[in-house]
Protein backbone atom coordinates (compact mmCIF):
# COMPACT_ATOMS: atom_id res chain seq x y z
CA MET A 1 0.00 0.00 0.00
CA SER A 2 1.45 3.34 -1.05
CA ILE A 3 2.11 6.08 1.48
CA ARG A 4 -0.08 9.10 0.84
CA PHE A 5 -0.45 12.51 2.52
CA ASP A 6 -3.73 13.70 1.02
CA GLY A 7 -5.27 16.31 3.32
CA ARG A 8 -2.03 16.66 5.31
CA VAL A 9 -0.03 19.86 5.68
CA ALA A 10 3.76 19.79 5.97
CA ILE A 11 6.39 22.39 6.81
CA VAL A 12 9.89 21.71 5.53
CA THR A 13 12.68 24.04 6.62
CA GLY A 14 15.72 24.57 4.45
CA ALA A 15 13.61 23.44 1.50
CA GLY A 16 15.00 25.82 -1.11
CA GLY A 17 17.54 23.26 -2.29
CA GLY A 18 19.29 20.00 -1.54
CA LEU A 19 17.62 17.47 0.71
CA GLY A 20 14.95 19.90 1.89
CA ARG A 21 13.77 20.54 -1.66
CA LEU A 22 13.63 16.81 -2.40
CA HIS A 23 11.71 16.15 0.82
CA ALA A 24 9.21 18.87 -0.07
CA LEU A 25 8.76 17.64 -3.64
CA ALA A 26 8.20 14.07 -2.46
CA LEU A 27 5.65 15.12 0.16
CA ALA A 28 3.79 17.23 -2.39
CA ALA A 29 3.84 14.43 -4.98
CA ARG A 30 2.15 12.21 -2.41
CA GLY A 31 -0.62 14.71 -1.76
CA ALA A 32 0.62 17.00 1.03
CA ALA A 33 0.27 20.76 0.99
CA VAL A 34 3.74 22.08 1.78
CA VAL A 35 5.23 25.21 3.31
CA ILE A 36 8.60 25.73 1.64
CA ASN A 37 10.76 27.49 4.21
CA ASP A 38 14.19 28.77 3.24
CA LEU A 39 16.06 31.89 4.28
CA GLY A 40 18.04 31.70 1.06
CA GLY A 41 21.40 32.18 2.74
CA ALA A 42 24.84 30.79 1.97
CA ILE A 43 26.12 27.54 3.45
CA ASP A 44 27.64 29.48 6.36
CA GLY A 45 24.31 31.20 7.06
CA SER A 46 25.24 34.58 5.65
CA GLY A 47 22.92 36.59 3.41
CA GLY A 48 19.37 35.68 2.56
CA ALA A 49 16.82 36.01 -0.25
CA PRO A 50 13.45 34.29 -0.75
CA ILE A 51 14.14 33.32 -4.36
CA ALA A 52 14.92 29.65 -3.65
CA ALA A 53 11.80 29.07 -1.54
CA HIS A 54 9.53 30.68 -4.14
CA ALA A 55 11.14 28.63 -6.93
CA VAL A 56 10.44 25.32 -5.17
CA ALA A 57 6.89 26.36 -4.28
CA GLU A 58 6.27 27.28 -7.90
CA GLU A 59 7.76 23.96 -9.01
CA ILE A 60 5.24 22.13 -6.83
CA ARG A 61 2.31 24.24 -8.00
CA ALA A 62 3.32 23.75 -11.63
CA ALA A 63 3.10 20.00 -11.07
CA GLY A 64 -0.42 20.38 -9.69
CA GLY A 65 0.48 20.40 -6.01
CA LYS A 66 -0.13 22.86 -3.19
CA ALA A 67 2.67 24.97 -1.75
CA ILE A 68 3.47 28.36 -0.29
CA ALA A 69 6.90 29.90 0.20
CA ASN A 70 8.30 31.36 3.39
CA ALA A 71 11.67 32.99 4.03
CA ALA A 72 11.65 33.11 7.84
CA SER A 73 14.91 32.48 9.64
CA VAL A 74 14.44 29.53 11.97
CA THR A 75 16.51 31.45 14.53
CA ASP A 76 13.69 34.04 14.80
CA PHE A 77 10.85 32.56 16.86
CA ALA A 78 8.42 35.37 16.01
CA ALA A 79 9.04 34.82 12.30
CA VAL A 80 8.59 31.07 12.74
CA GLN A 81 5.29 31.65 14.55
CA ALA A 82 4.16 33.87 11.68
CA MET A 83 5.07 31.09 9.22
CA VAL A 84 2.94 28.58 11.13
CA GLU A 85 0.08 31.08 11.33
CA ALA A 86 0.27 31.50 7.54
CA ALA A 87 -0.01 27.73 7.11
CA MET A 88 -3.02 27.66 9.43
CA ARG A 89 -4.74 30.48 7.51
CA GLU A 90 -4.10 28.70 4.22
CA TRP A 91 -4.97 25.12 5.17
CA GLY A 92 -6.21 25.05 8.78
CA ARG A 93 -3.77 22.50 10.20
CA VAL A 94 -0.13 21.38 10.38
CA ASP A 95 0.52 17.63 10.39
CA ILE A 96 4.19 17.26 9.50
CA LEU A 97 7.30 19.23 10.44
CA VAL A 98 10.65 18.45 8.86
CA ASN A 99 13.44 20.31 10.66
CA ASN A 100 16.03 20.33 7.91
CA ALA A 101 17.51 23.86 7.90
CA GLY A 102 21.20 24.05 8.73
CA ILE A 103 24.53 25.75 8.15
CA LEU A 104 28.20 24.83 8.39
CA ARG A 105 31.04 26.77 9.98
CA ASP A 106 33.72 24.09 10.11
CA LYS A 107 37.05 24.56 11.88
CA SER A 108 39.04 22.60 14.39
CA PHE A 109 37.93 23.41 17.94
CA ALA A 110 41.27 25.08 18.66
CA LYS A 111 40.68 27.57 15.84
CA MET A 112 36.91 27.93 16.13
CA ASP A 113 35.47 31.27 17.16
CA LEU A 114 32.76 30.95 19.82
CA ALA A 115 30.44 33.05 17.68
CA ASP A 116 30.60 30.35 14.99
CA PHE A 117 29.88 27.67 17.58
CA ARG A 118 26.91 29.61 18.92
CA LEU A 119 25.44 30.36 15.47
CA VAL A 120 25.54 26.72 14.37
CA MET A 121 23.81 25.73 17.61
CA ASP A 122 21.23 28.49 17.09
CA VAL A 123 20.35 27.38 13.56
CA HIS A 124 20.34 23.60 14.01
CA LEU A 125 19.19 23.18 17.60
CA MET A 126 17.24 26.32 18.46
CA GLY A 127 15.87 26.48 14.92
CA ALA A 128 14.34 23.04 15.41
CA VAL A 129 13.14 24.03 18.88
CA HIS A 130 11.46 27.18 17.53
CA CYS A 131 9.68 25.34 14.71
CA THR A 132 8.63 22.47 16.95
CA LYS A 133 7.36 24.78 19.68
CA ALA A 134 5.35 26.75 17.11
CA VAL A 135 3.49 23.62 15.93
CA TRP A 136 3.38 21.64 19.18
CA GLU A 137 0.05 22.89 20.55
CA ILE A 138 -1.55 22.59 17.12
CA MET A 139 -0.51 18.96 16.92
CA ARG A 140 -1.62 18.29 20.49
CA ALA A 141 -5.04 19.82 19.79
CA GLN A 142 -5.58 17.75 16.63
CA ASN A 143 -4.09 14.60 18.26
CA TYR A 144 -1.77 14.06 15.34
CA GLY A 145 1.72 15.09 14.40
CA ARG A 146 4.84 13.79 12.70
CA ILE A 147 8.14 15.56 13.39
CA VAL A 148 11.60 14.76 12.04
CA MET A 149 14.85 16.22 13.33
CA THR A 150 17.77 16.08 10.90
CA THR A 151 20.71 14.72 12.86
CA SER A 152 24.07 13.58 11.48
CA SER A 153 26.78 10.96 11.80
CA SER A 154 28.94 13.90 12.90
CA GLY A 155 26.77 14.16 16.00
CA LEU A 156 26.27 10.44 16.54
CA TYR A 157 29.91 9.48 16.04
CA GLY A 158 32.00 12.66 15.71
CA ASN A 159 33.88 14.26 12.83
CA PHE A 160 37.06 16.33 12.85
CA GLY A 161 36.43 20.06 12.46
CA GLN A 162 32.74 19.86 13.33
CA ALA A 163 32.55 20.28 17.11
CA ASN A 164 29.78 22.88 16.74
CA TYR A 165 27.82 20.95 14.11
CA GLY A 166 28.25 17.63 15.92
CA ALA A 167 27.15 19.09 19.26
CA ALA A 168 24.03 20.58 17.67
CA LYS A 169 23.17 17.39 15.81
CA MET A 170 23.50 15.18 18.89
CA ALA A 171 21.44 17.68 20.88
CA LEU A 172 18.63 17.09 18.39
CA VAL A 173 18.69 13.40 19.31
CA GLY A 174 18.15 14.32 22.95
CA LEU A 175 15.32 16.64 21.96
CA MET A 176 13.71 13.85 19.94
CA GLN A 177 14.02 11.36 22.79
CA THR A 178 12.04 13.51 25.21
CA LEU A 179 9.49 14.91 22.73
CA SER A 180 8.62 11.40 21.56
CA ILE A 181 7.72 10.55 25.15
CA GLU A 182 5.77 13.76 25.78
CA GLY A 183 3.93 13.60 22.46
CA ALA A 184 2.93 9.95 22.59
CA LYS A 185 -0.54 10.39 24.13
CA HIS A 186 -1.43 12.87 21.37
CA ASP A 187 -0.08 10.64 18.55
CA ILE A 188 2.82 13.01 17.92
CA ARG A 189 5.62 10.81 16.63
CA VAL A 190 9.11 12.27 16.66
CA ASN A 191 12.11 10.76 14.89
CA CYS A 192 15.61 11.62 13.67
CA LEU A 193 17.02 11.24 10.17
CA ALA A 194 20.80 11.03 9.75
CA PRO A 195 21.49 11.50 6.03
CA THR A 196 24.63 10.87 4.03
CA ALA A 197 24.13 12.70 0.76
CA THR A 198 25.60 15.04 -1.80
CA THR A 199 24.33 18.54 -1.03
CA ARG A 200 25.74 22.08 -0.98
CA MET A 201 27.10 21.22 2.44
CA THR A 202 29.01 18.09 1.33
CA GLU A 203 29.92 18.56 -2.33
CA HIS A 204 33.42 19.90 -1.54
CA LEU A 205 34.16 17.33 1.17
CA LEU A 206 33.98 14.04 -0.76
CA PRO A 207 35.67 12.55 -3.86
CA GLU A 208 33.74 12.51 -7.13
CA ALA A 209 33.17 8.74 -7.16
CA MET A 210 31.52 8.87 -3.75
CA LEU A 211 29.42 11.89 -4.67
CA LYS A 212 27.84 9.91 -7.51
CA LEU A 213 26.83 7.15 -5.10
CA LEU A 214 25.45 9.54 -2.52
CA GLU A 215 22.62 11.08 -4.50
CA ALA A 216 20.34 13.05 -2.21
CA GLU A 217 17.29 11.40 -3.77
CA ALA A 218 18.29 8.16 -2.05
CA VAL A 219 17.67 9.67 1.41
CA THR A 220 14.14 11.03 0.96
CA PRO A 221 12.34 7.64 1.04
CA GLY A 222 13.52 7.36 4.64
CA LEU A 223 12.00 10.74 5.44
CA ILE A 224 8.69 9.69 3.89
CA ALA A 225 8.61 6.57 6.07
CA LEU A 226 9.32 8.62 9.20
CA VAL A 227 6.36 10.98 8.65
CA ALA A 228 3.81 8.46 7.40
CA GLU A 229 0.62 7.77 9.33
CA ASP A 230 2.03 4.46 10.60
CA ALA A 231 5.50 5.92 11.23
CA PRO A 232 7.63 4.69 14.10
CA THR A 233 8.53 7.04 16.91
CA ARG A 234 11.78 7.64 18.74
CA ALA A 235 13.89 6.20 15.95
CA ILE A 236 17.23 7.36 14.56
CA LEU A 237 17.22 6.36 10.90
CA CYS A 238 20.51 6.57 9.04
CA ALA A 239 20.27 6.85 5.26
CA GLY A 240 22.69 7.08 2.37
CA ALA A 241 23.35 5.63 -1.10
CA GLY A 242 20.03 3.77 -0.94
CA SER A 243 20.94 2.01 2.30
CA PHE A 244 19.13 2.44 5.61
CA GLU A 245 20.26 1.60 9.13
CA ARG A 246 19.03 2.33 12.63
CA ALA A 247 21.24 3.87 15.32
CA HIS A 248 20.60 3.42 19.04
CA VAL A 249 21.77 5.02 22.27
CA THR A 250 22.45 1.94 24.37
CA LEU A 251 23.30 1.10 27.98
CA THR A 252 25.60 -1.76 28.97
CA GLU A 253 24.80 -3.98 31.94
CA GLY A 254 27.95 -2.76 33.67
CA ILE A 255 29.14 -3.69 37.15
CA HIS A 256 28.59 -2.64 40.75
CA VAL A 257 31.63 -1.20 42.54
CA GLY A 258 30.08 0.53 45.54
CA LEU A 259 31.62 3.22 47.73
CA ALA A 260 34.92 1.61 48.61
CA ASP A 261 37.97 3.83 48.97
CA ASP A 262 39.45 2.19 45.89
CA ALA A 263 36.28 2.57 43.77
CA ALA A 264 38.10 4.61 41.12
CA GLU A 265 40.84 1.98 40.86
CA ARG A 266 38.21 -0.76 40.55
CA ILE A 267 36.52 1.12 37.72
CA ALA A 268 39.84 1.47 35.89
CA ALA A 269 40.72 -2.18 36.46
CA GLN A 270 37.32 -3.46 35.29
CA TRP A 271 36.81 -1.11 32.36
CA GLN A 272 36.46 -4.02 29.94
CA ALA A 273 33.63 -5.51 32.02
CA ILE A 274 31.89 -2.13 32.22
CA SER A 275 32.16 -1.85 28.43
CA ASP A 276 30.98 -5.40 27.68
CA ARG A 277 28.02 -5.07 25.30
CA ASP A 278 26.50 -8.46 26.00
CA GLY A 279 23.06 -7.80 27.43
CA GLU A 280 23.10 -4.09 26.63
CA SER A 281 19.72 -2.38 26.37
CA VAL A 282 18.03 0.56 24.68
CA PRO A 283 16.40 2.43 27.61
CA GLN A 284 12.88 3.69 27.05
CA SER A 285 13.48 6.72 29.29
CA GLY A 286 16.25 8.30 31.33
CA ALA A 287 14.88 6.61 34.44
CA ALA A 288 16.10 3.27 33.12
CA GLN A 289 19.71 4.11 33.96
CA GLY A 290 18.84 4.81 37.58
CA ALA A 291 16.70 1.68 37.78
CA LEU A 292 19.56 -0.45 36.47
CA GLU A 293 22.01 1.07 38.93
CA MET A 294 19.67 0.74 41.91
CA GLY A 295 18.97 -2.87 41.01
CA LYS A 296 22.66 -3.75 40.98
CA ALA A 297 23.24 -1.90 44.24
CA SER A 298 20.33 -3.67 45.91
CA ARG A 299 21.56 -7.08 44.81
CA ALA A 300 25.06 -6.26 46.04
CA VAL A 301 23.86 -5.68 49.62
CA ALA A 302 21.25 -8.44 49.70
């Protein structure tokens, strides 16, 4: 059975080009009305013009779909609220939010200016927070919502020269973890997508042979699955070159050391046992860590 979005309204940030544009086109082709949000800035976030957003919206309308353009900066909460209000005036609801907008200001941490660190955090993390906050009560009231945060392997696993980008992208995983719990009773499903694709942000970082394999079009099917009516929730879907994997934040079984004077030495000596992944789990909430630790402590004194 094909996935359709007839009657659904989606907002896609950073949709003037690259992955965002492809996400928006795919949603529209499957029946969604789409808000094309794009500031129109450079990769580093400088400048801004609404041309790209309007071009994608027109592309959708020319194909018979429904779209409006918006050039709000996701760092400006008032502008984001106005964007959501425009969608509500036009179509009366918001069902899907794809937090895709982002910038790069890569440098090694030693050479990175704090202003560049802060701006990347503002765009990726606070931009997603602003957009999500602006639609959250709407989704709660209609008891339906699908939200995707765009994370990255740089956040999940690290990447030289991207301390700011990696920190922001891993923060989005933490945001997703909690929002998926808080949104569950209102059928708001929140997931993360970690793409590997050729975009403006990656075209100068990879060799030509790899760029041909990493067509951005190969990522979008994963996005469609994450915002479908029967979508999962609280998933980190990795996607690239037509391949899809799932990443997890796991917890090992670990050991109990107690409060002995040599506790630190015991931890160092038994590091391999602490790291042993046999029996590791994927906690369903932060309380699981405390429950595991209390259980081991209780057994140790029994």
